Amino acid sequence: QVQLVESGGGLVQPGGSLRLSCAASGRTFSSSYAMGWFRQAPGKEREFVAAITWTGGSTSYADSVKGRFTLSRDRGKNTVYLQMNSLKPEDTAVYYCASRRSRVLGYTVSEYAYWGQGTQVTVSS
């Protein structure tokens, strides 16, 4: 099994920043897996935010966060970070970290096999 633990959510004012972390572990976790972040606002479907490959560090972002959010990874710690800047009220959601059994970036919920418990991000004045 693979365990994913997110942290770093909270309440922030518009224009502020937060950094989310996702620590991966487990007997079957492979450092070759691609990782992704998704978010889900109340009454809406879970949507893709960003993804990264462990090996080459390739990244991809949803248009709504491009230029504001940045993904990075620490391979030694099996941890992925999502730096979120210039936050907007519409970024308010529960953010989920996910891992897929592939080296290739994934963009849909169904492509990911493992999920964290989620962390709440609220952007409000």
N, C-alpha and C. Protein backbone atom coordinates (compact mmCIF):
# COMPACT_ATOMS: atom_id res chain seq x y z
N GLN A 1 0.82 -1.20 0.00
CA GLN A 1 0.00 0.00 0.00
C GLN A 1 0.85 1.25 0.00
N VAL A 2 0.25 2.36 -0.40
CA VAL A 2 0.91 3.65 -0.43
C VAL A 2 0.12 4.61 0.46
N GLN A 3 0.83 5.31 1.30
CA GLN A 3 0.21 6.31 2.15
C GLN A 3 0.68 7.69 1.73
N LEU A 4 -0.28 8.60 1.65
CA LEU A 4 0.00 9.99 1.29
C LEU A 4 -0.57 10.88 2.37
N VAL A 5 0.26 11.75 2.91
CA VAL A 5 -0.18 12.63 3.99
C VAL A 5 0.07 14.07 3.59
N GLU A 6 -1.02 14.83 3.47
CA GLU A 6 -0.90 16.25 3.12
C GLU A 6 -0.83 17.11 4.38
N SER A 7 -0.23 18.25 4.24
CA SER A 7 -0.20 19.24 5.32
C SER A 7 0.00 20.62 4.70
N GLY A 8 -0.26 21.64 5.50
CA GLY A 8 0.02 23.00 5.07
C GLY A 8 -1.18 23.84 4.71
N GLY A 9 -2.37 23.27 4.75
CA GLY A 9 -3.57 24.05 4.44
C GLY A 9 -3.88 25.04 5.54
N GLY A 10 -4.87 25.92 5.27
CA GLY A 10 -5.26 26.89 6.27
C GLY A 10 -6.05 28.02 5.67
N LEU A 11 -6.20 29.08 6.46
CA LEU A 11 -6.92 30.27 6.04
C LEU A 11 -5.92 31.35 5.66
N VAL A 12 -6.12 31.96 4.50
CA VAL A 12 -5.22 33.01 4.03
C VAL A 12 -6.04 34.09 3.34
N GLN A 13 -5.55 35.31 3.38
CA GLN A 13 -6.23 36.40 2.71
C GLN A 13 -5.94 36.39 1.21
N PRO A 14 -6.83 36.96 0.43
CA PRO A 14 -6.57 37.06 -1.02
C PRO A 14 -5.23 37.73 -1.27
N GLY A 15 -4.49 37.17 -2.22
CA GLY A 15 -3.15 37.66 -2.52
C GLY A 15 -2.05 37.01 -1.71
N GLY A 16 -2.44 36.23 -0.72
CA GLY A 16 -1.47 35.57 0.14
C GLY A 16 -0.92 34.28 -0.45
N SER A 17 -0.10 33.59 0.35
CA SER A 17 0.56 32.37 -0.10
C SER A 17 0.42 31.26 0.93
N LEU A 18 0.46 30.04 0.42
CA LEU A 18 0.52 28.85 1.26
C LEU A 18 1.40 27.83 0.55
N ARG A 19 2.00 26.95 1.33
CA ARG A 19 2.74 25.83 0.73
C ARG A 19 2.18 24.53 1.30
N LEU A 20 1.70 23.69 0.40
CA LEU A 20 1.20 22.37 0.78
C LEU A 20 2.31 21.35 0.60
N SER A 21 2.32 20.36 1.49
CA SER A 21 3.28 19.26 1.40
C SER A 21 2.53 17.95 1.29
N CYS A 22 3.14 17.00 0.62
CA CYS A 22 2.58 15.65 0.51
C CYS A 22 3.73 14.67 0.70
N ALA A 23 3.68 13.94 1.80
CA ALA A 23 4.71 12.95 2.10
C ALA A 23 4.19 11.56 1.73
N ALA A 24 4.97 10.85 0.92
CA ALA A 24 4.58 9.52 0.45
C ALA A 24 5.39 8.45 1.16
N SER A 25 4.72 7.33 1.46
CA SER A 25 5.41 6.21 2.08
C SER A 25 4.63 4.94 1.79
N GLY A 26 5.19 3.81 2.21
CA GLY A 26 4.49 2.55 2.02
C GLY A 26 5.33 1.52 1.32
N ARG A 27 5.00 0.29 1.58
CA ARG A 27 5.80 -0.82 1.06
C ARG A 27 5.81 -0.87 -0.46
N THR A 28 4.71 -0.48 -1.06
CA THR A 28 4.62 -0.59 -2.52
C THR A 28 4.85 0.73 -3.23
N PHE A 29 5.22 1.77 -2.48
CA PHE A 29 5.47 3.05 -3.13
C PHE A 29 6.76 2.98 -3.92
N SER A 30 6.69 3.52 -5.12
CA SER A 30 7.87 3.58 -5.96
C SER A 30 8.23 5.02 -6.23
N SER A 31 9.51 5.32 -6.12
CA SER A 31 9.94 6.69 -6.38
C SER A 31 9.84 7.05 -7.85
N SER A 32 9.37 6.13 -8.68
CA SER A 32 9.17 6.46 -10.09
C SER A 32 7.75 6.93 -10.38
N TYR A 33 6.86 6.83 -9.39
CA TYR A 33 5.46 7.21 -9.61
C TYR A 33 5.33 8.71 -9.87
N ALA A 34 4.42 9.07 -10.74
CA ALA A 34 4.07 10.47 -10.92
C ALA A 34 3.09 10.88 -9.81
N MET A 35 3.15 12.14 -9.42
CA MET A 35 2.31 12.66 -8.35
C MET A 35 1.46 13.81 -8.88
N GLY A 36 0.29 13.96 -8.30
CA GLY A 36 -0.59 15.04 -8.73
C GLY A 36 -1.30 15.69 -7.55
N TRP A 37 -1.79 16.89 -7.79
CA TRP A 37 -2.65 17.59 -6.84
C TRP A 37 -3.98 17.88 -7.53
N PHE A 38 -5.03 17.65 -6.78
CA PHE A 38 -6.38 17.95 -7.23
C PHE A 38 -7.06 18.78 -6.15
N ARG A 39 -8.16 19.39 -6.49
CA ARG A 39 -8.93 20.13 -5.49
C ARG A 39 -10.41 19.95 -5.74
N GLN A 40 -11.17 20.12 -4.66
CA GLN A 40 -12.61 19.97 -4.76
C GLN A 40 -13.29 21.02 -3.89
N ALA A 41 -14.04 21.89 -4.54
CA ALA A 41 -14.81 22.90 -3.85
C ALA A 41 -16.21 22.36 -3.56
N PRO A 42 -16.90 22.92 -2.58
CA PRO A 42 -18.24 22.43 -2.24
C PRO A 42 -19.17 22.46 -3.45
N GLY A 43 -19.84 21.33 -3.69
CA GLY A 43 -20.79 21.24 -4.79
C GLY A 43 -20.17 21.08 -6.16
N LYS A 44 -18.85 20.93 -6.22
CA LYS A 44 -18.18 20.79 -7.51
C LYS A 44 -17.42 19.48 -7.58
N GLU A 45 -17.07 19.10 -8.79
CA GLU A 45 -16.30 17.89 -8.98
C GLU A 45 -14.82 18.14 -8.66
N ARG A 46 -14.13 17.06 -8.33
CA ARG A 46 -12.70 17.17 -8.08
C ARG A 46 -11.99 17.50 -9.40
N GLU A 47 -11.10 18.48 -9.36
CA GLU A 47 -10.44 18.92 -10.58
C GLU A 47 -8.93 18.90 -10.46
N PHE A 48 -8.29 18.72 -11.59
CA PHE A 48 -6.83 18.69 -11.68
C PHE A 48 -6.26 20.07 -11.39
N VAL A 49 -5.17 20.08 -10.60
CA VAL A 49 -4.45 21.33 -10.31
C VAL A 49 -3.06 21.31 -10.92
N ALA A 50 -2.29 20.25 -10.62
CA ALA A 50 -0.91 20.19 -11.09
C ALA A 50 -0.39 18.77 -10.93
N ALA A 51 0.68 18.45 -11.67
CA ALA A 51 1.28 17.13 -11.58
C ALA A 51 2.78 17.23 -11.84
N ILE A 52 3.52 16.24 -11.30
CA ILE A 52 4.97 16.24 -11.43
C ILE A 52 5.46 14.80 -11.54
N THR A 53 6.53 14.61 -12.30
CA THR A 53 7.17 13.30 -12.34
C THR A 53 8.31 13.29 -11.35
N TRP A 54 8.53 12.15 -10.71
CA TRP A 54 9.61 12.04 -9.74
C TRP A 54 10.96 12.09 -10.43
N THR A 55 11.08 11.40 -11.55
CA THR A 55 12.39 11.19 -12.16
C THR A 55 12.94 12.45 -12.81
N GLY A 56 12.20 13.00 -13.76
CA GLY A 56 12.72 14.17 -14.47
C GLY A 56 12.25 15.48 -13.92
N GLY A 57 11.27 15.45 -13.02
CA GLY A 57 10.75 16.69 -12.47
C GLY A 57 9.91 17.47 -13.45
N SER A 58 9.40 16.82 -14.49
CA SER A 58 8.50 17.51 -15.41
C SER A 58 7.21 17.88 -14.69
N THR A 59 6.66 19.04 -15.03
CA THR A 59 5.44 19.51 -14.37
C THR A 59 4.40 19.94 -15.38
N SER A 60 3.16 19.96 -14.93
CA SER A 60 2.05 20.46 -15.72
C SER A 60 1.04 21.09 -14.77
N TYR A 61 0.40 22.17 -15.24
CA TYR A 61 -0.51 22.92 -14.39
C TYR A 61 -1.82 23.19 -15.12
N ALA A 62 -2.89 23.26 -14.33
CA ALA A 62 -4.17 23.71 -14.88
C ALA A 62 -4.03 25.19 -15.26
N ASP A 63 -4.76 25.60 -16.27
CA ASP A 63 -4.68 27.00 -16.71
C ASP A 63 -5.05 27.97 -15.58
N SER A 64 -5.94 27.55 -14.71
CA SER A 64 -6.42 28.44 -13.65
C SER A 64 -5.36 28.76 -12.61
N VAL A 65 -4.29 27.95 -12.54
CA VAL A 65 -3.26 28.17 -11.53
C VAL A 65 -1.90 28.45 -12.14
N LYS A 66 -1.79 28.36 -13.44
CA LYS A 66 -0.51 28.54 -14.12
C LYS A 66 0.04 29.94 -13.83
N GLY A 67 1.31 29.99 -13.47
CA GLY A 67 1.94 31.26 -13.13
C GLY A 67 1.80 31.65 -11.68
N ARG A 68 0.93 30.98 -10.95
CA ARG A 68 0.73 31.28 -9.52
C ARG A 68 1.18 30.12 -8.63
N PHE A 69 1.00 28.89 -9.10
CA PHE A 69 1.34 27.70 -8.31
C PHE A 69 2.60 27.07 -8.89
N THR A 70 3.43 26.49 -8.00
CA THR A 70 4.66 25.83 -8.43
C THR A 70 4.82 24.53 -7.68
N LEU A 71 5.07 23.47 -8.44
CA LEU A 71 5.33 22.15 -7.87
C LEU A 71 6.82 21.89 -7.79
N SER A 72 7.22 21.22 -6.70
CA SER A 72 8.61 20.75 -6.61
C SER A 72 8.61 19.45 -5.83
N ARG A 73 9.73 18.73 -5.87
CA ARG A 73 9.80 17.49 -5.10
C ARG A 73 11.17 17.32 -4.49
N ASP A 74 11.17 16.64 -3.35
CA ASP A 74 12.40 16.26 -2.65
C ASP A 74 12.43 14.74 -2.68
N ARG A 75 13.24 14.19 -3.56
CA ARG A 75 13.24 12.75 -3.74
C ARG A 75 13.77 12.03 -2.51
N GLY A 76 14.68 12.64 -1.81
CA GLY A 76 15.22 12.00 -0.61
C GLY A 76 14.19 11.85 0.48
N LYS A 77 13.23 12.77 0.52
CA LYS A 77 12.18 12.74 1.54
C LYS A 77 10.87 12.18 1.01
N ASN A 78 10.84 11.80 -0.26
CA ASN A 78 9.59 11.32 -0.88
C ASN A 78 8.45 12.32 -0.63
N THR A 79 8.76 13.58 -0.80
CA THR A 79 7.79 14.63 -0.51
C THR A 79 7.65 15.57 -1.70
N VAL A 80 6.40 15.92 -1.98
CA VAL A 80 6.09 16.87 -3.04
C VAL A 80 5.52 18.14 -2.40
N TYR A 81 5.90 19.28 -2.95
CA TYR A 81 5.44 20.56 -2.41
C TYR A 81 4.66 21.32 -3.48
N LEU A 82 3.57 21.95 -3.05
CA LEU A 82 2.80 22.82 -3.94
C LEU A 82 2.82 24.23 -3.34
N GLN A 83 3.62 25.09 -3.95
CA GLN A 83 3.70 26.48 -3.52
C GLN A 83 2.60 27.26 -4.21
N MET A 84 1.73 27.89 -3.44
CA MET A 84 0.59 28.60 -3.99
C MET A 84 0.72 30.09 -3.65
N ASN A 85 0.88 30.91 -4.67
CA ASN A 85 1.01 32.35 -4.49
C ASN A 85 -0.17 33.08 -5.12
N SER A 86 -0.33 34.34 -4.76
CA SER A 86 -1.41 35.17 -5.32
C SER A 86 -2.75 34.45 -5.24
N LEU A 87 -3.04 33.93 -4.09
CA LEU A 87 -4.26 33.14 -3.92
C LEU A 87 -5.51 33.99 -4.08
N LYS A 88 -6.53 33.35 -4.65
CA LYS A 88 -7.80 34.00 -4.90
C LYS A 88 -8.92 33.27 -4.16
N PRO A 89 -10.03 33.93 -3.90
CA PRO A 89 -11.14 33.24 -3.23
C PRO A 89 -11.59 31.98 -3.98
N GLU A 90 -11.48 31.99 -5.29
CA GLU A 90 -11.90 30.81 -6.06
C GLU A 90 -10.93 29.64 -5.94
N ASP A 91 -9.80 29.84 -5.26
CA ASP A 91 -8.90 28.73 -4.97
C ASP A 91 -9.34 27.95 -3.73
N THR A 92 -10.35 28.45 -3.04
CA THR A 92 -10.85 27.78 -1.84
C THR A 92 -11.38 26.39 -2.18
N ALA A 93 -10.85 25.38 -1.50
CA ALA A 93 -11.22 23.99 -1.78
C ALA A 93 -10.47 23.08 -0.82
N VAL A 94 -10.84 21.80 -0.84
CA VAL A 94 -10.02 20.78 -0.20
C VAL A 94 -9.02 20.31 -1.26
N TYR A 95 -7.76 20.32 -0.91
CA TYR A 95 -6.70 19.93 -1.84
C TYR A 95 -6.23 18.51 -1.51
N TYR A 96 -6.16 17.69 -2.56
CA TYR A 96 -5.78 16.30 -2.41
C TYR A 96 -4.49 16.00 -3.17
N CYS A 97 -3.62 15.26 -2.53
CA CYS A 97 -2.42 14.74 -3.17
C CYS A 97 -2.74 13.33 -3.68
N ALA A 98 -2.17 12.97 -4.82
CA ALA A 98 -2.44 11.65 -5.39
C ALA A 98 -1.20 11.10 -6.06
N SER A 99 -1.14 9.78 -6.15
CA SER A 99 -0.01 9.10 -6.77
C SER A 99 -0.55 8.08 -7.78
N ARG A 100 0.14 7.96 -8.90
CA ARG A 100 -0.29 6.99 -9.89
C ARG A 100 0.84 6.03 -10.21
N ARG A 101 0.49 4.82 -10.61
CA ARG A 101 1.47 3.77 -10.88
C ARG A 101 2.02 3.91 -12.28
N SER A 102 2.61 5.05 -12.53
CA SER A 102 3.17 5.33 -13.84
C SER A 102 4.17 6.47 -13.71
N ARG A 103 5.14 6.47 -14.62
CA ARG A 103 6.11 7.57 -14.66
C ARG A 103 5.54 8.79 -15.37
N VAL A 104 4.43 8.60 -16.08
CA VAL A 104 3.88 9.63 -16.95
C VAL A 104 2.90 10.51 -16.16
N LEU A 105 2.89 11.79 -16.48
CA LEU A 105 1.94 12.71 -15.84
C LEU A 105 0.51 12.27 -16.11
N GLY A 106 -0.34 12.46 -15.13
CA GLY A 106 -1.76 12.17 -15.27
C GLY A 106 -2.58 13.41 -15.00
N TYR A 107 -3.78 13.48 -15.62
CA TYR A 107 -4.59 14.68 -15.53
C TYR A 107 -6.01 14.44 -15.04
N THR A 108 -6.38 13.19 -14.87
CA THR A 108 -7.75 12.89 -14.45
C THR A 108 -7.74 12.06 -13.17
N VAL A 109 -8.84 12.15 -12.43
CA VAL A 109 -8.97 11.43 -11.17
C VAL A 109 -8.77 9.93 -11.36
N SER A 110 -9.31 9.39 -12.42
CA SER A 110 -9.26 7.95 -12.64
C SER A 110 -7.85 7.42 -12.91
N GLU A 111 -6.93 8.29 -13.25
CA GLU A 111 -5.56 7.86 -13.53
C GLU A 111 -4.73 7.65 -12.26
N TYR A 112 -5.24 8.05 -11.12
CA TYR A 112 -4.49 7.98 -9.88
C TYR A 112 -5.04 6.90 -8.97
N ALA A 113 -4.14 6.09 -8.42
CA ALA A 113 -4.55 4.94 -7.62
C ALA A 113 -4.59 5.25 -6.12
N TYR A 114 -3.77 6.18 -5.69
CA TYR A 114 -3.65 6.44 -4.26
C TYR A 114 -3.93 7.92 -3.97
N TRP A 115 -4.62 8.14 -2.84
CA TRP A 115 -5.04 9.50 -2.47
C TRP A 115 -4.77 9.79 -1.01
N GLY A 116 -4.44 11.04 -0.73
CA GLY A 116 -4.35 11.48 0.64
C GLY A 116 -5.72 11.84 1.18
N GLN A 117 -5.74 12.28 2.43
CA GLN A 117 -7.01 12.58 3.10
C GLN A 117 -7.52 13.98 2.77
N GLY A 118 -6.66 14.81 2.21
CA GLY A 118 -7.07 16.16 1.84
C GLY A 118 -6.74 17.19 2.91
N THR A 119 -6.50 18.41 2.48
CA THR A 119 -6.25 19.51 3.40
C THR A 119 -7.03 20.74 2.91
N GLN A 120 -7.68 21.41 3.83
CA GLN A 120 -8.55 22.54 3.49
C GLN A 120 -7.73 23.80 3.26
N VAL A 121 -8.01 24.47 2.15
CA VAL A 121 -7.44 25.78 1.86
C VAL A 121 -8.60 26.76 1.71
N THR A 122 -8.59 27.81 2.51
CA THR A 122 -9.64 28.81 2.47
C THR A 122 -9.01 30.17 2.22
N VAL A 123 -9.45 30.82 1.16
CA VAL A 123 -8.94 32.15 0.81
C VAL A 123 -10.08 33.14 1.02
N SER A 124 -9.92 33.97 2.03
CA SER A 124 -11.00 34.89 2.38
C SER A 124 -10.45 36.05 3.19
N SER A 125 -11.07 37.20 3.04
CA SER A 125 -10.68 38.36 3.83
C SER A 125 -11.56 38.46 5.08
